[in-house]
Amino acid sequence: MEPPRISLSKLGPVLVLGVLILTACGNGNKDAMVRGPAPPVEPVAPVVMLGGGILTSIHDGQAGSPRVKVDWEVDGAKISISYGRPSLKGRIVGESVEPLEGRIWRLGADEATLFTTDRDLMMGAAHVPAGKYTLWTIADGDVTELIINYETGQWGTGYDESRNLGRAPMVLGTLDTPAEQLVLNINDGDLRVEWGAMVASVPILVH
């Protein structure tokens, strides 16, 4: 008995469908070859924090004190401080390293410390409009004051008293763990200076 014959006319639609599927697969492979492998996903750099804010390194200082910029958000205000971070290296605050009695200190190393706010503030009793300023301190007996100055961009020895916006007394205390490297900290409504065993703070209020 002969096997049943299959009519080519009946196979026509099946053959056409097969050709279409093979063509589509071939084009897909060709497109994949043209595109090549997917690019590698770049790892996200971790956020580095310092003094309660986000740290950005700027450059190394002349004597090795790194220059940094730290950004905070305080009650809707964007505040940043750019300063040089000296290390004690065996020196004693108030004796062999600033702040020294009766002398203006740049509140850091190298260039003057730059303070920026996009909202009006009160720093202690000093009203500070939104803008850019330099920060300094002076210790006189039992009183240490924060100085806010209009001049910016100068070296840290270029203090001009005539450009002062205002002064604010700071509250002094002692750290349980001394800070080997200077840290400026904004936390719980205060600007804090941590240096050696010393901590000095002034309240910040956003208008």
N, C-alpha and C. Protein backbone atom coordinates (compact mmCIF):
# COMPACT_ATOMS: atom_id res chain seq x y z
N MET A 1 0.86 -1.19 0.00
CA MET A 1 0.00 0.00 0.00
C MET A 1 0.89 1.24 0.00
N GLU A 2 0.64 2.21 -0.88
CA GLU A 2 1.43 3.43 -0.95
C GLU A 2 1.01 4.37 0.19
N PRO A 3 2.02 5.13 0.77
CA PRO A 3 1.68 6.11 1.82
C PRO A 3 0.85 7.23 1.24
N PRO A 4 0.02 7.87 2.06
CA PRO A 4 -0.82 8.96 1.56
C PRO A 4 0.01 10.12 1.09
N ARG A 5 -0.41 10.72 -0.01
CA ARG A 5 0.32 11.88 -0.54
C ARG A 5 -0.25 13.17 0.07
N ILE A 6 0.73 14.07 0.41
CA ILE A 6 0.33 15.36 0.98
C ILE A 6 0.41 16.40 -0.10
N SER A 7 -0.63 17.12 -0.29
CA SER A 7 -0.70 18.13 -1.34
C SER A 7 0.15 19.33 -0.96
N LEU A 8 1.01 19.80 -1.92
CA LEU A 8 1.84 20.97 -1.67
C LEU A 8 0.99 22.21 -1.46
N SER A 9 -0.18 22.24 -2.07
CA SER A 9 -1.05 23.39 -1.90
C SER A 9 -1.51 23.53 -0.45
N LYS A 10 -1.69 22.34 0.21
CA LYS A 10 -2.08 22.40 1.62
C LYS A 10 -0.93 22.82 2.51
N LEU A 11 0.34 22.51 2.09
CA LEU A 11 1.50 22.88 2.90
C LEU A 11 1.89 24.34 2.71
N GLY A 12 1.35 24.99 1.72
CA GLY A 12 1.76 26.36 1.42
C GLY A 12 1.71 27.29 2.62
N PRO A 13 0.57 27.42 3.28
CA PRO A 13 0.50 28.33 4.43
C PRO A 13 1.48 27.96 5.53
N VAL A 14 1.70 26.66 5.77
CA VAL A 14 2.64 26.23 6.81
C VAL A 14 4.05 26.65 6.46
N LEU A 15 4.43 26.46 5.15
CA LEU A 15 5.79 26.84 4.73
C LEU A 15 5.99 28.35 4.84
N VAL A 16 5.01 29.11 4.45
CA VAL A 16 5.11 30.57 4.54
C VAL A 16 5.28 31.01 5.97
N LEU A 17 4.50 30.42 6.89
CA LEU A 17 4.62 30.77 8.31
C LEU A 17 6.00 30.44 8.85
N GLY A 18 6.55 29.29 8.47
CA GLY A 18 7.88 28.91 8.92
C GLY A 18 8.93 29.88 8.44
N VAL A 19 8.83 30.28 7.15
CA VAL A 19 9.81 31.24 6.61
C VAL A 19 9.74 32.55 7.38
N LEU A 20 8.52 33.03 7.69
CA LEU A 20 8.39 34.28 8.44
C LEU A 20 9.02 34.19 9.82
N ILE A 21 8.82 33.06 10.50
CA ILE A 21 9.40 32.88 11.84
C ILE A 21 10.91 32.88 11.78
N LEU A 22 11.48 32.13 10.80
CA LEU A 22 12.94 32.07 10.67
C LEU A 22 13.52 33.43 10.34
N THR A 23 12.82 34.19 9.50
CA THR A 23 13.30 35.52 9.12
C THR A 23 13.31 36.45 10.32
N ALA A 24 12.23 36.40 11.11
CA ALA A 24 12.16 37.25 12.29
C ALA A 24 13.26 36.93 13.28
N CYS A 25 13.52 35.64 13.50
CA CYS A 25 14.58 35.22 14.41
C CYS A 25 15.93 35.69 13.90
N GLY A 26 16.12 35.57 12.60
CA GLY A 26 17.40 35.99 12.03
C GLY A 26 17.62 37.47 12.19
N ASN A 27 16.58 38.29 11.96
CA ASN A 27 16.71 39.73 12.13
C ASN A 27 16.98 40.09 13.58
N GLY A 28 16.34 39.36 14.49
CA GLY A 28 16.56 39.63 15.90
C GLY A 28 18.01 39.39 16.28
N ASN A 29 18.59 38.30 15.82
CA ASN A 29 19.99 38.01 16.12
C ASN A 29 20.91 39.06 15.51
N LYS A 30 20.54 39.51 14.28
CA LYS A 30 21.36 40.51 13.61
C LYS A 30 21.36 41.81 14.41
N ASP A 31 20.14 42.21 14.89
CA ASP A 31 20.05 43.44 15.68
C ASP A 31 20.88 43.33 16.95
N ALA A 32 20.82 42.13 17.59
CA ALA A 32 21.59 41.93 18.81
C ALA A 32 23.08 42.05 18.56
N MET A 33 23.53 41.53 17.36
CA MET A 33 24.95 41.60 17.03
C MET A 33 25.36 43.05 16.78
N VAL A 34 24.46 43.84 16.16
CA VAL A 34 24.79 45.24 15.89
C VAL A 34 24.88 46.03 17.19
N ARG A 35 23.90 45.79 18.09
CA ARG A 35 23.89 46.55 19.34
C ARG A 35 25.04 46.16 20.24
N GLY A 36 25.44 44.93 20.25
CA GLY A 36 26.50 44.47 21.12
C GLY A 36 26.00 44.27 22.54
N PRO A 37 26.90 43.89 23.45
CA PRO A 37 26.49 43.63 24.84
C PRO A 37 26.10 44.93 25.54
N ALA A 38 25.23 44.82 26.52
CA ALA A 38 24.80 45.99 27.30
C ALA A 38 26.00 46.56 28.05
N PRO A 39 26.10 47.91 28.14
CA PRO A 39 27.24 48.51 28.86
C PRO A 39 27.16 48.16 30.34
N PRO A 40 28.33 48.04 30.99
CA PRO A 40 28.32 47.72 32.43
C PRO A 40 27.70 48.86 33.24
N VAL A 41 27.06 48.52 34.31
CA VAL A 41 26.43 49.51 35.18
C VAL A 41 27.50 50.08 36.11
N GLU A 42 27.67 51.41 36.05
CA GLU A 42 28.66 52.05 36.90
C GLU A 42 28.18 52.02 38.36
N PRO A 43 29.07 51.62 39.28
CA PRO A 43 28.67 51.61 40.69
C PRO A 43 28.43 53.03 41.20
N VAL A 44 27.46 53.20 42.06
CA VAL A 44 27.15 54.50 42.65
C VAL A 44 28.11 54.76 43.81
N ALA A 45 28.79 55.91 43.75
CA ALA A 45 29.75 56.23 44.80
C ALA A 45 29.01 56.45 46.12
N PRO A 46 29.52 55.90 47.21
CA PRO A 46 28.85 56.08 48.50
C PRO A 46 28.92 57.54 48.94
N VAL A 47 27.90 58.00 49.64
CA VAL A 47 27.87 59.36 50.17
C VAL A 47 28.77 59.40 51.41
N VAL A 48 29.70 60.36 51.43
CA VAL A 48 30.62 60.51 52.57
C VAL A 48 30.11 61.64 53.44
N MET A 49 30.01 61.41 54.73
CA MET A 49 29.48 62.40 55.67
C MET A 49 30.59 62.92 56.57
N LEU A 50 30.45 64.17 56.99
CA LEU A 50 31.35 64.77 57.97
C LEU A 50 30.57 65.82 58.75
N GLY A 51 30.62 65.74 60.06
CA GLY A 51 29.95 66.75 60.87
C GLY A 51 28.47 66.86 60.61
N GLY A 52 27.84 65.72 60.25
CA GLY A 52 26.41 65.72 59.99
C GLY A 52 26.01 66.17 58.60
N GLY A 53 27.00 66.52 57.73
CA GLY A 53 26.70 66.98 56.38
C GLY A 53 27.38 66.13 55.34
N ILE A 54 27.10 66.43 54.06
CA ILE A 54 27.67 65.67 52.94
C ILE A 54 29.00 66.28 52.55
N LEU A 55 30.04 65.46 52.55
CA LEU A 55 31.42 65.92 52.34
C LEU A 55 31.80 65.87 50.87
N THR A 56 32.44 66.95 50.40
CA THR A 56 33.07 67.00 49.08
C THR A 56 34.51 67.46 49.26
N SER A 57 35.48 66.67 48.81
CA SER A 57 36.88 67.07 48.90
C SER A 57 37.17 68.10 47.82
N ILE A 58 37.94 69.15 48.16
CA ILE A 58 38.28 70.20 47.20
C ILE A 58 39.73 70.07 46.75
N HIS A 59 40.67 70.15 47.68
CA HIS A 59 42.08 69.99 47.33
C HIS A 59 42.89 69.83 48.61
N ASP A 60 44.14 69.42 48.45
CA ASP A 60 45.06 69.35 49.59
C ASP A 60 45.60 70.73 49.88
N GLY A 61 45.74 71.05 51.15
CA GLY A 61 46.28 72.35 51.53
C GLY A 61 47.79 72.41 51.40
N GLN A 62 48.34 73.62 51.54
CA GLN A 62 49.78 73.79 51.38
C GLN A 62 50.58 73.03 52.41
N ALA A 63 50.07 72.93 53.63
CA ALA A 63 50.77 72.22 54.69
C ALA A 63 50.15 70.85 54.96
N GLY A 64 49.34 70.38 54.01
CA GLY A 64 48.76 69.05 54.14
C GLY A 64 47.38 69.01 54.74
N SER A 65 46.82 70.18 55.09
CA SER A 65 45.46 70.19 55.63
C SER A 65 44.46 70.15 54.48
N PRO A 66 43.66 69.09 54.37
CA PRO A 66 42.74 68.99 53.23
C PRO A 66 41.67 70.08 53.28
N ARG A 67 41.36 70.61 52.10
CA ARG A 67 40.27 71.58 51.97
C ARG A 67 39.01 70.82 51.59
N VAL A 68 37.92 71.03 52.33
CA VAL A 68 36.68 70.30 52.09
C VAL A 68 35.51 71.28 52.03
N LYS A 69 34.43 70.82 51.41
CA LYS A 69 33.16 71.54 51.43
C LYS A 69 32.12 70.58 52.01
N VAL A 70 31.37 71.06 52.98
CA VAL A 70 30.35 70.23 53.62
C VAL A 70 29.00 70.93 53.47
N ASP A 71 27.98 70.15 53.06
CA ASP A 71 26.64 70.69 52.81
C ASP A 71 25.65 70.10 53.80
N TRP A 72 24.82 70.98 54.33
CA TRP A 72 23.75 70.58 55.23
C TRP A 72 22.42 71.15 54.74
N GLU A 73 21.33 70.54 55.17
CA GLU A 73 20.00 71.14 55.00
C GLU A 73 19.40 71.28 56.39
N VAL A 74 19.12 72.52 56.77
CA VAL A 74 18.65 72.81 58.12
C VAL A 74 17.31 73.54 58.01
N ASP A 75 16.24 72.88 58.40
CA ASP A 75 14.89 73.49 58.37
C ASP A 75 14.61 74.16 57.03
N GLY A 76 14.97 73.47 55.93
CA GLY A 76 14.70 73.97 54.59
C GLY A 76 15.78 74.88 54.03
N ALA A 77 16.76 75.26 54.84
CA ALA A 77 17.86 76.10 54.36
C ALA A 77 19.02 75.22 53.91
N LYS A 78 19.62 75.57 52.77
CA LYS A 78 20.82 74.88 52.30
C LYS A 78 22.04 75.67 52.76
N ILE A 79 22.84 75.04 53.60
CA ILE A 79 24.01 75.69 54.21
C ILE A 79 25.25 74.89 53.83
N SER A 80 26.32 75.59 53.46
CA SER A 80 27.58 74.90 53.18
C SER A 80 28.72 75.66 53.84
N ILE A 81 29.76 74.91 54.21
CA ILE A 81 30.98 75.51 54.77
C ILE A 81 32.16 74.87 54.06
N SER A 82 33.05 75.72 53.55
CA SER A 82 34.29 75.26 52.91
C SER A 82 35.44 75.69 53.81
N TYR A 83 36.25 74.71 54.26
CA TYR A 83 37.31 75.04 55.22
C TYR A 83 38.46 74.05 55.13
N GLY A 84 39.62 74.48 55.61
CA GLY A 84 40.78 73.60 55.71
C GLY A 84 40.77 72.89 57.04
N ARG A 85 41.15 71.59 57.02
CA ARG A 85 41.05 70.76 58.22
C ARG A 85 42.45 70.40 58.75
N PRO A 86 43.00 71.23 59.63
CA PRO A 86 44.31 70.90 60.19
C PRO A 86 44.22 69.73 61.17
N SER A 87 45.36 69.11 61.45
CA SER A 87 45.47 68.06 62.47
C SER A 87 46.38 68.56 63.58
N LEU A 88 46.16 68.08 64.80
CA LEU A 88 46.93 68.56 65.95
C LEU A 88 48.40 68.12 65.91
N LYS A 89 48.63 66.84 65.62
CA LYS A 89 50.00 66.30 65.56
C LYS A 89 50.78 66.62 66.83
N GLY A 90 50.14 66.38 67.98
CA GLY A 90 50.81 66.56 69.27
C GLY A 90 50.71 67.96 69.84
N ARG A 91 50.18 68.91 69.08
CA ARG A 91 50.05 70.28 69.59
C ARG A 91 48.83 70.40 70.51
N ILE A 92 48.81 71.47 71.32
CA ILE A 92 47.74 71.67 72.29
C ILE A 92 46.97 72.93 71.93
N VAL A 93 45.64 72.78 71.78
CA VAL A 93 44.78 73.91 71.44
C VAL A 93 44.87 74.98 72.52
N GLY A 94 45.08 76.22 72.10
CA GLY A 94 45.16 77.33 73.03
C GLY A 94 46.56 77.60 73.55
N GLU A 95 47.48 76.66 73.31
CA GLU A 95 48.87 76.84 73.76
C GLU A 95 49.82 76.93 72.58
N SER A 96 49.84 75.88 71.76
CA SER A 96 50.75 75.86 70.61
C SER A 96 50.01 75.89 69.28
N VAL A 97 48.70 75.92 69.32
CA VAL A 97 47.91 75.97 68.10
C VAL A 97 46.64 76.78 68.36
N GLU A 98 46.17 77.49 67.35
CA GLU A 98 44.97 78.33 67.48
C GLU A 98 43.73 77.49 67.80
N PRO A 99 42.76 78.15 68.44
CA PRO A 99 42.66 79.58 68.76
C PRO A 99 43.54 79.99 69.96
N LEU A 100 44.28 81.07 69.76
CA LEU A 100 45.16 81.60 70.79
C LEU A 100 44.54 82.86 71.38
N GLU A 101 44.86 83.12 72.62
CA GLU A 101 44.27 84.23 73.35
C GLU A 101 44.44 85.55 72.60
N GLY A 102 43.30 86.22 72.37
CA GLY A 102 43.31 87.55 71.79
C GLY A 102 43.63 87.63 70.31
N ARG A 103 43.73 86.48 69.64
CA ARG A 103 44.09 86.49 68.22
C ARG A 103 42.94 85.98 67.36
N ILE A 104 42.74 86.65 66.21
CA ILE A 104 41.73 86.20 65.26
C ILE A 104 42.17 84.88 64.64
N TRP A 105 41.24 83.91 64.57
CA TRP A 105 41.54 82.61 63.96
C TRP A 105 40.63 82.40 62.75
N ARG A 106 41.19 81.87 61.69
CA ARG A 106 40.45 81.67 60.44
C ARG A 106 39.47 80.50 60.50
N LEU A 107 39.37 79.86 61.64
CA LEU A 107 38.46 78.72 61.84
C LEU A 107 38.77 77.59 60.87
N GLY A 108 40.06 77.33 60.73
CA GLY A 108 40.51 76.29 59.81
C GLY A 108 41.96 76.53 59.43
N ALA A 109 42.30 76.11 58.22
CA ALA A 109 43.66 76.29 57.71
C ALA A 109 43.61 76.90 56.31
N ASP A 110 44.73 77.52 55.91
CA ASP A 110 44.90 78.06 54.55
C ASP A 110 43.87 79.16 54.25
N GLU A 111 43.07 79.02 53.16
CA GLU A 111 42.13 80.07 52.80
C GLU A 111 41.11 80.30 53.92
N ALA A 112 40.54 81.51 53.92
CA ALA A 112 39.51 81.81 54.91
C ALA A 112 38.34 80.84 54.77
N THR A 113 37.71 80.54 55.88
CA THR A 113 36.58 79.61 55.89
C THR A 113 35.34 80.29 55.30
N LEU A 114 34.75 79.64 54.30
CA LEU A 114 33.62 80.22 53.56
C LEU A 114 32.31 79.59 54.03
N PHE A 115 31.36 80.45 54.36
CA PHE A 115 30.03 80.03 54.83
C PHE A 115 28.99 80.54 53.85
N THR A 116 28.09 79.65 53.39
CA THR A 116 27.06 80.01 52.41
C THR A 116 25.70 79.55 52.91
N THR A 117 24.70 80.41 52.79
CA THR A 117 23.33 80.04 53.13
C THR A 117 22.38 80.63 52.09
N ASP A 118 21.33 79.86 51.73
CA ASP A 118 20.34 80.38 50.77
C ASP A 118 19.10 80.92 51.47
N ARG A 119 19.13 80.95 52.82
CA ARG A 119 18.03 81.51 53.60
C ARG A 119 18.59 82.44 54.67
N ASP A 120 17.80 83.43 55.09
CA ASP A 120 18.21 84.28 56.19
C ASP A 120 18.29 83.45 57.47
N LEU A 121 19.29 83.77 58.30
CA LEU A 121 19.52 83.01 59.53
C LEU A 121 19.71 83.97 60.70
N MET A 122 19.56 83.41 61.89
CA MET A 122 20.11 84.00 63.09
C MET A 122 21.22 83.08 63.58
N MET A 123 22.40 83.63 63.78
CA MET A 123 23.50 82.88 64.37
C MET A 123 23.78 83.54 65.71
N GLY A 124 23.29 82.91 66.79
CA GLY A 124 23.28 83.60 68.06
C GLY A 124 22.39 84.82 67.93
N ALA A 125 22.92 86.00 68.29
CA ALA A 125 22.15 87.24 68.18
C ALA A 125 22.41 87.96 66.87
N ALA A 126 23.23 87.39 65.98
CA ALA A 126 23.59 88.05 64.71
C ALA A 126 22.61 87.64 63.62
N HIS A 127 22.02 88.65 62.96
CA HIS A 127 21.14 88.38 61.82
C HIS A 127 22.01 88.23 60.58
N VAL A 128 21.88 87.09 59.86
CA VAL A 128 22.72 86.78 58.71
C VAL A 128 21.81 86.59 57.49
N PRO A 129 21.75 87.59 56.59
CA PRO A 129 20.95 87.43 55.37
C PRO A 129 21.52 86.33 54.48
N ALA A 130 20.69 85.78 53.60
CA ALA A 130 21.17 84.78 52.64
C ALA A 130 22.34 85.35 51.86
N GLY A 131 23.39 84.53 51.68
CA GLY A 131 24.56 85.01 50.96
C GLY A 131 25.80 84.23 51.34
N LYS A 132 26.98 84.82 51.02
CA LYS A 132 28.27 84.19 51.30
C LYS A 132 29.07 85.07 52.27
N TYR A 133 29.74 84.40 53.21
CA TYR A 133 30.50 85.10 54.25
C TYR A 133 31.75 84.29 54.59
N THR A 134 32.66 84.91 55.32
CA THR A 134 33.74 84.14 55.93
C THR A 134 33.52 84.13 57.44
N LEU A 135 33.97 83.04 58.07
CA LEU A 135 33.81 82.84 59.50
C LEU A 135 35.17 82.89 60.18
N TRP A 136 35.19 83.50 61.36
CA TRP A 136 36.40 83.62 62.15
C TRP A 136 36.01 83.46 63.62
N THR A 137 36.99 83.27 64.48
CA THR A 137 36.72 83.31 65.92
C THR A 137 37.81 84.12 66.61
N ILE A 138 37.48 84.56 67.82
CA ILE A 138 38.46 85.20 68.68
C ILE A 138 38.16 84.77 70.11
N ALA A 139 39.22 84.39 70.83
CA ALA A 139 39.09 84.01 72.23
C ALA A 139 39.67 85.13 73.09
N ASP A 140 38.88 85.59 74.06
CA ASP A 140 39.31 86.68 74.95
C ASP A 140 38.88 86.32 76.36
N GLY A 141 39.82 85.79 77.11
CA GLY A 141 39.50 85.33 78.46
C GLY A 141 38.56 84.14 78.40
N ASP A 142 37.45 84.24 79.10
CA ASP A 142 36.48 83.15 79.12
C ASP A 142 35.47 83.24 77.98
N VAL A 143 35.61 84.26 77.13
CA VAL A 143 34.64 84.48 76.05
C VAL A 143 35.27 84.16 74.70
N THR A 144 34.60 83.30 73.93
CA THR A 144 34.98 83.04 72.54
C THR A 144 33.83 83.48 71.66
N GLU A 145 34.13 84.28 70.63
CA GLU A 145 33.09 84.79 69.75
C GLU A 145 33.29 84.28 68.33
N LEU A 146 32.16 83.98 67.67
CA LEU A 146 32.14 83.70 66.25
C LEU A 146 31.98 85.03 65.52
N ILE A 147 32.80 85.26 64.50
CA ILE A 147 32.76 86.50 63.72
C ILE A 147 32.28 86.17 62.31
N ILE A 148 31.25 86.88 61.84
CA ILE A 148 30.75 86.71 60.47
C ILE A 148 31.17 87.95 59.68
N ASN A 149 31.87 87.73 58.57
CA ASN A 149 32.49 88.82 57.81
C ASN A 149 32.02 88.78 56.36
N TYR A 150 31.78 89.98 55.78
CA TYR A 150 31.28 90.07 54.41
C TYR A 150 32.32 89.66 53.36
N GLU A 151 33.59 89.88 53.64
CA GLU A 151 34.62 89.66 52.63
C GLU A 151 34.82 88.16 52.38
N THR A 152 34.94 87.76 51.13
CA THR A 152 35.17 86.36 50.77
C THR A 152 36.30 86.26 49.75
N GLY A 153 36.89 85.06 49.64
CA GLY A 153 37.92 84.81 48.64
C GLY A 153 39.32 85.14 49.09
N GLN A 154 39.50 85.61 50.32
CA GLN A 154 40.82 86.01 50.79
C GLN A 154 41.55 84.86 51.47
N TRP A 155 42.87 85.01 51.64
CA TRP A 155 43.65 84.06 52.42
C TRP A 155 43.26 84.19 53.88
N GLY A 156 43.54 83.16 54.66
CA GLY A 156 43.06 83.13 56.04
C GLY A 156 43.75 84.07 56.99
N THR A 157 44.72 84.83 56.51
CA THR A 157 45.32 85.88 57.35
C THR A 157 44.84 87.26 56.94
N GLY A 158 43.94 87.32 55.96
CA GLY A 158 43.48 88.61 55.43
C GLY A 158 42.20 89.09 56.07
N TYR A 159 42.14 89.10 57.38
CA TYR A 159 40.93 89.52 58.08
C TYR A 159 40.82 91.04 58.11
N ASP A 160 39.66 91.55 57.73
CA ASP A 160 39.39 92.99 57.72
C ASP A 160 38.20 93.25 58.64
N GLU A 161 38.49 93.79 59.82
CA GLU A 161 37.44 94.01 60.82
C GLU A 161 36.35 94.94 60.32
N SER A 162 36.71 95.87 59.42
CA SER A 162 35.72 96.84 58.93
C SER A 162 34.63 96.18 58.09
N ARG A 163 34.85 94.92 57.66
CA ARG A 163 33.88 94.22 56.84
C ARG A 163 33.00 93.26 57.67
N ASN A 164 33.08 93.36 58.98
CA ASN A 164 32.30 92.47 59.83
C ASN A 164 30.80 92.70 59.68
N LEU A 165 30.05 91.60 59.59
CA LEU A 165 28.60 91.65 59.67
C LEU A 165 28.17 91.67 61.14
N GLY A 166 28.80 90.83 61.94
CA GLY A 166 28.44 90.77 63.35
C GLY A 166 29.24 89.71 64.08
N ARG A 167 29.04 89.66 65.39
CA ARG A 167 29.70 88.68 66.26
C ARG A 167 28.64 87.98 67.10
N ALA A 168 28.96 86.74 67.49
CA ALA A 168 28.03 85.97 68.32
C ALA A 168 28.84 85.19 69.35
N PRO A 169 28.57 85.38 70.65
CA PRO A 169 29.27 84.59 71.67
C PRO A 169 29.00 83.09 71.49
N MET A 170 30.02 82.29 71.75
CA MET A 170 29.92 80.84 71.62
C MET A 170 29.95 80.19 73.00
N VAL A 171 29.24 79.08 73.12
CA VAL A 171 29.22 78.30 74.36
C VAL A 171 30.37 77.29 74.30
N LEU A 172 31.22 77.30 75.31
CA LEU A 172 32.39 76.42 75.33
C LEU A 172 32.11 75.17 76.15
N GLY A 173 32.72 74.06 75.72
CA GLY A 173 32.61 72.80 76.44
C GLY A 173 33.82 71.94 76.17
N THR A 174 33.78 70.71 76.68
CA THR A 174 34.89 69.78 76.54
C THR A 174 34.40 68.48 75.92
N LEU A 175 35.12 68.00 74.92
CA LEU A 175 34.75 66.74 74.27
C LEU A 175 35.23 65.56 75.09
N ASP A 176 34.42 64.50 75.14
CA ASP A 176 34.83 63.27 75.80
C ASP A 176 35.98 62.62 75.03
N THR A 177 35.89 62.66 73.70
CA THR A 177 36.95 62.12 72.84
C THR A 177 37.52 63.27 72.02
N PRO A 178 38.76 63.68 72.30
CA PRO A 178 39.33 64.82 71.57
C PRO A 178 39.34 64.60 70.06
N ALA A 179 39.16 65.69 69.32
CA ALA A 179 39.17 65.65 67.86
C ALA A 179 40.58 65.94 67.38
N GLU A 180 41.24 64.93 66.81
CA GLU A 180 42.59 65.10 66.29
C GLU A 180 42.60 66.03 65.08
N GLN A 181 41.52 66.02 64.31
CA GLN A 181 41.40 66.86 63.12
C GLN A 181 40.17 67.75 63.27
N LEU A 182 40.29 69.00 62.87
CA LEU A 182 39.20 69.97 63.03
C LEU A 182 37.93 69.49 62.33
N VAL A 183 36.80 69.61 63.02
CA VAL A 183 35.49 69.29 62.46
C VAL A 183 34.54 70.44 62.74
N LEU A 184 33.88 70.94 61.70
CA LEU A 184 32.78 71.87 61.85
C LEU A 184 31.49 71.09 61.68
N ASN A 185 30.60 71.23 62.62
CA ASN A 185 29.44 70.36 62.73
C ASN A 185 28.19 71.21 62.84
N ILE A 186 27.16 70.90 62.06
CA ILE A 186 25.84 71.52 62.26
C ILE A 186 24.87 70.41 62.62
N ASN A 187 24.32 70.51 63.83
CA ASN A 187 23.45 69.45 64.33
C ASN A 187 22.61 69.99 65.47
N ASP A 188 21.36 69.56 65.53
CA ASP A 188 20.45 69.96 66.62
C ASP A 188 20.39 71.47 66.77
N GLY A 189 20.40 72.20 65.64
CA GLY A 189 20.24 73.65 65.69
C GLY A 189 21.45 74.42 66.12
N ASP A 190 22.64 73.79 66.15
CA ASP A 190 23.87 74.47 66.54
C ASP A 190 24.95 74.31 65.48
N LEU A 191 25.78 75.35 65.32
CA LEU A 191 27.06 75.22 64.63
C LEU A 191 28.10 74.94 65.69
N ARG A 192 28.82 73.81 65.53
CA ARG A 192 29.80 73.39 66.53
C ARG A 192 31.19 73.33 65.91
N VAL A 193 32.17 73.77 66.70
CA VAL A 193 33.58 73.65 66.33
C VAL A 193 34.19 72.63 67.27
N GLU A 194 34.69 71.52 66.71
CA GLU A 194 35.30 70.46 67.51
C GLU A 194 36.78 70.39 67.15
N TRP A 195 37.63 70.63 68.16
CA TRP A 195 39.06 70.77 67.89
C TRP A 195 39.84 70.46 69.16
N GLY A 196 40.61 69.37 69.14
CA GLY A 196 41.24 68.91 70.37
C GLY A 196 40.16 68.53 71.37
N ALA A 197 40.34 68.94 72.62
CA ALA A 197 39.33 68.67 73.63
C ALA A 197 38.24 69.74 73.66
N MET A 198 38.43 70.80 72.85
CA MET A 198 37.50 71.94 72.87
C MET A 198 36.32 71.73 71.94
N VAL A 199 35.15 72.15 72.42
CA VAL A 199 33.97 72.27 71.55
C VAL A 199 33.35 73.62 71.84
N ALA A 200 33.09 74.39 70.78
CA ALA A 200 32.46 75.69 70.90
C ALA A 200 31.25 75.71 69.97
N SER A 201 30.13 76.25 70.44
CA SER A 201 28.91 76.18 69.64
C SER A 201 28.15 77.50 69.70
N VAL A 202 27.35 77.71 68.64
CA VAL A 202 26.47 78.86 68.57
C VAL A 202 25.16 78.39 67.91
N PRO A 203 24.02 78.81 68.43
CA PRO A 203 22.75 78.34 67.83
C PRO A 203 22.49 78.97 66.47
N ILE A 204 21.83 78.19 65.58
CA ILE A 204 21.42 78.66 64.26
C ILE A 204 19.90 78.54 64.18
N LEU A 205 19.26 79.64 63.76
CA LEU A 205 17.81 79.65 63.59
C LEU A 205 17.51 80.12 62.17
N VAL A 206 16.72 79.33 61.42
CA VAL A 206 16.36 79.69 60.05
C VAL A 206 15.11 80.53 60.06
N HIS A 207 15.12 81.67 59.36
CA HIS A 207 13.93 82.54 59.27
C HIS A 207 12.91 81.92 58.33
